[in-house]
Amino acid sequence: MVPMTSELENPFLSREGVERIARLARLHLAPGEADGLAPKLEHVLSHIERIAEIPDADLPEPEAPPATPLRADRPVAGEGREELARNAAVTSHGLVPVPRVVDSGR
């Protein structure tokens, strides 16, 4: 059960902090939802901190992943720019315009 306290240990997880995280993640929060999420996020972070306190000597040795056979790395002829541009819905000056991903936050 998540303890619901009015004071959070981590000031980053204030209502304003949760709203900022949501805005950066492009998540829409309903009015008042940030107040309920702050204690829950604090609870999750406290568990992560407890896990980080486990000494490395107490952790099991990681297992090696199974070997993946690799193919020889040989150059091959690729498609030309014009051929690839035919698959794009829109091109501009030989390039494929895409929506902006990073927002300045202004």
C-alpha atoms as a PDB file:
ATOM      1  CA  MET A   1       0.000   0.000   0.000  1.00  0.00           C
ATOM      2  CA  VAL A   2       1.346   3.416  -0.942  1.00  0.00           C
ATOM      3  CA  PRO A   3       1.569   5.711   2.069  1.00  0.00           C
ATOM      4  CA  MET A   4      -0.358   8.868   1.310  1.00  0.00           C
ATOM      5  CA  THR A   5       1.467  11.671   3.056  1.00  0.00           C
ATOM      6  CA  SER A   6       1.126  15.369   2.538  1.00  0.00           C
ATOM      7  CA  GLU A   7       4.906  15.899   2.672  1.00  0.00           C
ATOM      8  CA  LEU A   8       7.065  14.083   0.203  1.00  0.00           C
ATOM      9  CA  GLU A   9      10.698  13.252   0.910  1.00  0.00           C
ATOM     10  CA  ASN A  10      11.737  14.201  -2.614  1.00  0.00           C
ATOM     11  CA  PRO A  11      10.819  17.791  -3.527  1.00  0.00           C
ATOM     12  CA  PHE A  12      11.197  16.887  -7.222  1.00  0.00           C
ATOM     13  CA  LEU A  13       8.020  14.857  -6.835  1.00  0.00           C
ATOM     14  CA  SER A  14       5.876  17.749  -5.778  1.00  0.00           C
ATOM     15  CA  ARG A  15       2.718  18.344  -7.774  1.00  0.00           C
ATOM     16  CA  GLU A  16       4.672  20.760  -9.965  1.00  0.00           C
ATOM     17  CA  GLY A  17       7.441  18.196 -10.462  1.00  0.00           C
ATOM     18  CA  VAL A  18       4.968  15.516 -11.518  1.00  0.00           C
ATOM     19  CA  GLU A  19       3.288  17.958 -13.898  1.00  0.00           C
ATOM     20  CA  ARG A  20       6.676  18.829 -15.399  1.00  0.00           C
ATOM     21  CA  ILE A  21       7.552  15.133 -15.861  1.00  0.00           C
ATOM     22  CA  ALA A  22       4.156  14.534 -17.481  1.00  0.00           C
ATOM     23  CA  ARG A  23       4.636  17.517 -19.797  1.00  0.00           C
ATOM     24  CA  LEU A  24       8.103  16.277 -20.827  1.00  0.00           C
ATOM     25  CA  ALA A  25       6.650  12.806 -21.467  1.00  0.00           C
ATOM     26  CA  ARG A  26       3.773  14.436 -23.350  1.00  0.00           C
ATOM     27  CA  LEU A  27       1.239  12.852 -21.010  1.00  0.00           C
ATOM     28  CA  HIS A  28      -2.082  14.484 -20.324  1.00  0.00           C
ATOM     29  CA  LEU A  29      -3.049  14.517 -16.655  1.00  0.00           C
ATOM     30  CA  ALA A  30      -6.581  15.204 -15.533  1.00  0.00           C
ATOM     31  CA  PRO A  31      -6.976  18.084 -13.071  1.00  0.00           C
ATOM     32  CA  GLY A  32      -5.812  16.931  -9.652  1.00  0.00           C
ATOM     33  CA  GLU A  33      -4.245  13.734 -10.977  1.00  0.00           C
ATOM     34  CA  ALA A  34      -0.689  14.949 -10.267  1.00  0.00           C
ATOM     35  CA  ASP A  35      -1.465  15.174  -6.546  1.00  0.00           C
ATOM     36  CA  GLY A  36      -2.299  11.469  -6.479  1.00  0.00           C
ATOM     37  CA  LEU A  37       0.688  10.439  -8.589  1.00  0.00           C
ATOM     38  CA  ALA A  38       3.360  12.190  -6.535  1.00  0.00           C
ATOM     39  CA  PRO A  39       3.173   9.810  -3.526  1.00  0.00           C
ATOM     40  CA  LYS A  40       3.026   6.776  -5.807  1.00  0.00           C
ATOM     41  CA  LEU A  41       6.121   7.872  -7.719  1.00  0.00           C
ATOM     42  CA  GLU A  42       7.876   8.559  -4.418  1.00  0.00           C
ATOM     43  CA  HIS A  43       7.032   5.000  -3.340  1.00  0.00           C
ATOM     44  CA  VAL A  44       8.467   3.543  -6.570  1.00  0.00           C
ATOM     45  CA  LEU A  45      11.652   5.600  -6.215  1.00  0.00           C
ATOM     46  CA  SER A  46      12.101   4.459  -2.624  1.00  0.00           C
ATOM     47  CA  HIS A  47      12.034   0.833  -3.828  1.00  0.00           C
ATOM     48  CA  ILE A  48      14.612   1.619  -6.500  1.00  0.00           C
ATOM     49  CA  GLU A  49      16.830   3.241  -3.864  1.00  0.00           C
ATOM     50  CA  ARG A  50      16.540   0.121  -1.679  1.00  0.00           C
ATOM     51  CA  ILE A  51      17.563  -2.083  -4.600  1.00  0.00           C
ATOM     52  CA  ALA A  52      20.535   0.207  -5.321  1.00  0.00           C
ATOM     53  CA  GLU A  53      21.732  -0.323  -1.728  1.00  0.00           C
ATOM     54  CA  ILE A  54      22.279  -4.061  -2.273  1.00  0.00           C
ATOM     55  CA  PRO A  55      26.045  -4.702  -2.275  1.00  0.00           C
ATOM     56  CA  ASP A  56      27.399  -5.953  -5.574  1.00  0.00           C
ATOM     57  CA  ALA A  57      28.859  -8.993  -3.808  1.00  0.00           C
ATOM     58  CA  ASP A  58      25.315 -10.116  -2.897  1.00  0.00           C
ATOM     59  CA  LEU A  59      24.108 -10.023  -6.495  1.00  0.00           C
ATOM     60  CA  PRO A  60      24.146 -13.162  -8.637  1.00  0.00           C
ATOM     61  CA  GLU A  61      26.645 -13.337 -11.469  1.00  0.00           C
ATOM     62  CA  PRO A  62      25.018 -12.306 -14.749  1.00  0.00           C
ATOM     63  CA  GLU A  63      24.629 -15.049 -17.293  1.00  0.00           C
ATOM     64  CA  ALA A  64      26.102 -14.633 -20.722  1.00  0.00           C
ATOM     65  CA  PRO A  65      23.489 -14.389 -23.455  1.00  0.00           C
ATOM     66  CA  PRO A  66      23.371 -17.286 -25.894  1.00  0.00           C
ATOM     67  CA  ALA A  67      25.811 -16.914 -28.752  1.00  0.00           C
ATOM     68  CA  THR A  68      24.276 -15.489 -31.902  1.00  0.00           C
ATOM     69  CA  PRO A  69      25.834 -16.648 -35.141  1.00  0.00           C
ATOM     70  CA  LEU A  70      27.042 -13.670 -37.138  1.00  0.00           C
ATOM     71  CA  ARG A  71      27.094 -13.396 -40.867  1.00  0.00           C
ATOM     72  CA  ALA A  72      30.068 -12.085 -42.743  1.00  0.00           C
ATOM     73  CA  ASP A  73      29.998  -8.310 -43.058  1.00  0.00           C
ATOM     74  CA  ARG A  74      30.186  -7.695 -46.788  1.00  0.00           C
ATOM     75  CA  PRO A  75      29.233  -4.467 -48.554  1.00  0.00           C
ATOM     76  CA  VAL A  76      26.269  -4.726 -50.901  1.00  0.00           C
ATOM     77  CA  ALA A  77      24.853  -2.262 -53.348  1.00  0.00           C
ATOM     78  CA  GLY A  78      22.014  -0.244 -51.831  1.00  0.00           C
ATOM     79  CA  GLU A  79      19.048   1.424 -53.380  1.00  0.00           C
ATOM     80  CA  GLY A  80      19.517   4.830 -54.920  1.00  0.00           C
ATOM     81  CA  ARG A  81      18.102   7.967 -53.302  1.00  0.00           C
ATOM     82  CA  GLU A  82      15.405   8.312 -55.969  1.00  0.00           C
ATOM     83  CA  GLU A  83      14.325   4.689 -55.525  1.00  0.00           C
ATOM     84  CA  LEU A  84      14.010   5.110 -51.754  1.00  0.00           C
ATOM     85  CA  ALA A  85      12.177   8.444 -52.094  1.00  0.00           C
ATOM     86  CA  ARG A  86       9.429   6.711 -54.107  1.00  0.00           C
ATOM     87  CA  ASN A  87       8.333   4.968 -50.880  1.00  0.00           C
ATOM     88  CA  ALA A  88       7.890   8.258 -49.006  1.00  0.00           C
ATOM     89  CA  ALA A  89       4.486   9.929 -48.890  1.00  0.00           C
ATOM     90  CA  VAL A  90       6.083  13.381 -49.229  1.00  0.00           C
ATOM     91  CA  THR A  91       9.538  14.586 -50.233  1.00  0.00           C
ATOM     92  CA  SER A  92      11.065  18.042 -50.165  1.00  0.00           C
ATOM     93  CA  HIS A  93      14.311  18.814 -52.005  1.00  0.00           C
ATOM     94  CA  GLY A  94      15.180  15.123 -52.065  1.00  0.00           C
ATOM     95  CA  LEU A  95      14.574  14.671 -48.333  1.00  0.00           C
ATOM     96  CA  VAL A  96      11.702  13.154 -46.359  1.00  0.00           C
ATOM     97  CA  PRO A  97      10.222  15.715 -43.917  1.00  0.00           C
ATOM     98  CA  VAL A  98       9.234  14.294 -40.524  1.00  0.00           C
ATOM     99  CA  PRO A  99       7.395  15.844 -37.548  1.00  0.00           C
ATOM    100  CA  ARG A 100       9.523  17.595 -34.965  1.00  0.00           C
ATOM    101  CA  VAL A 101      10.231  15.260 -32.025  1.00  0.00           C
ATOM    102  CA  VAL A 102      12.077  17.515 -29.607  1.00  0.00           C
ATOM    103  CA  ASP A 103      10.116  20.490 -28.359  1.00  0.00           C
ATOM    104  CA  SER A 104      11.756  23.555 -26.835  1.00  0.00           C
ATOM    105  CA  GLY A 105       8.933  23.752 -24.265  1.00  0.00           C
ATOM    106  CA  ARG A 106       8.038  27.304 -25.181  1.00  0.00           C
END
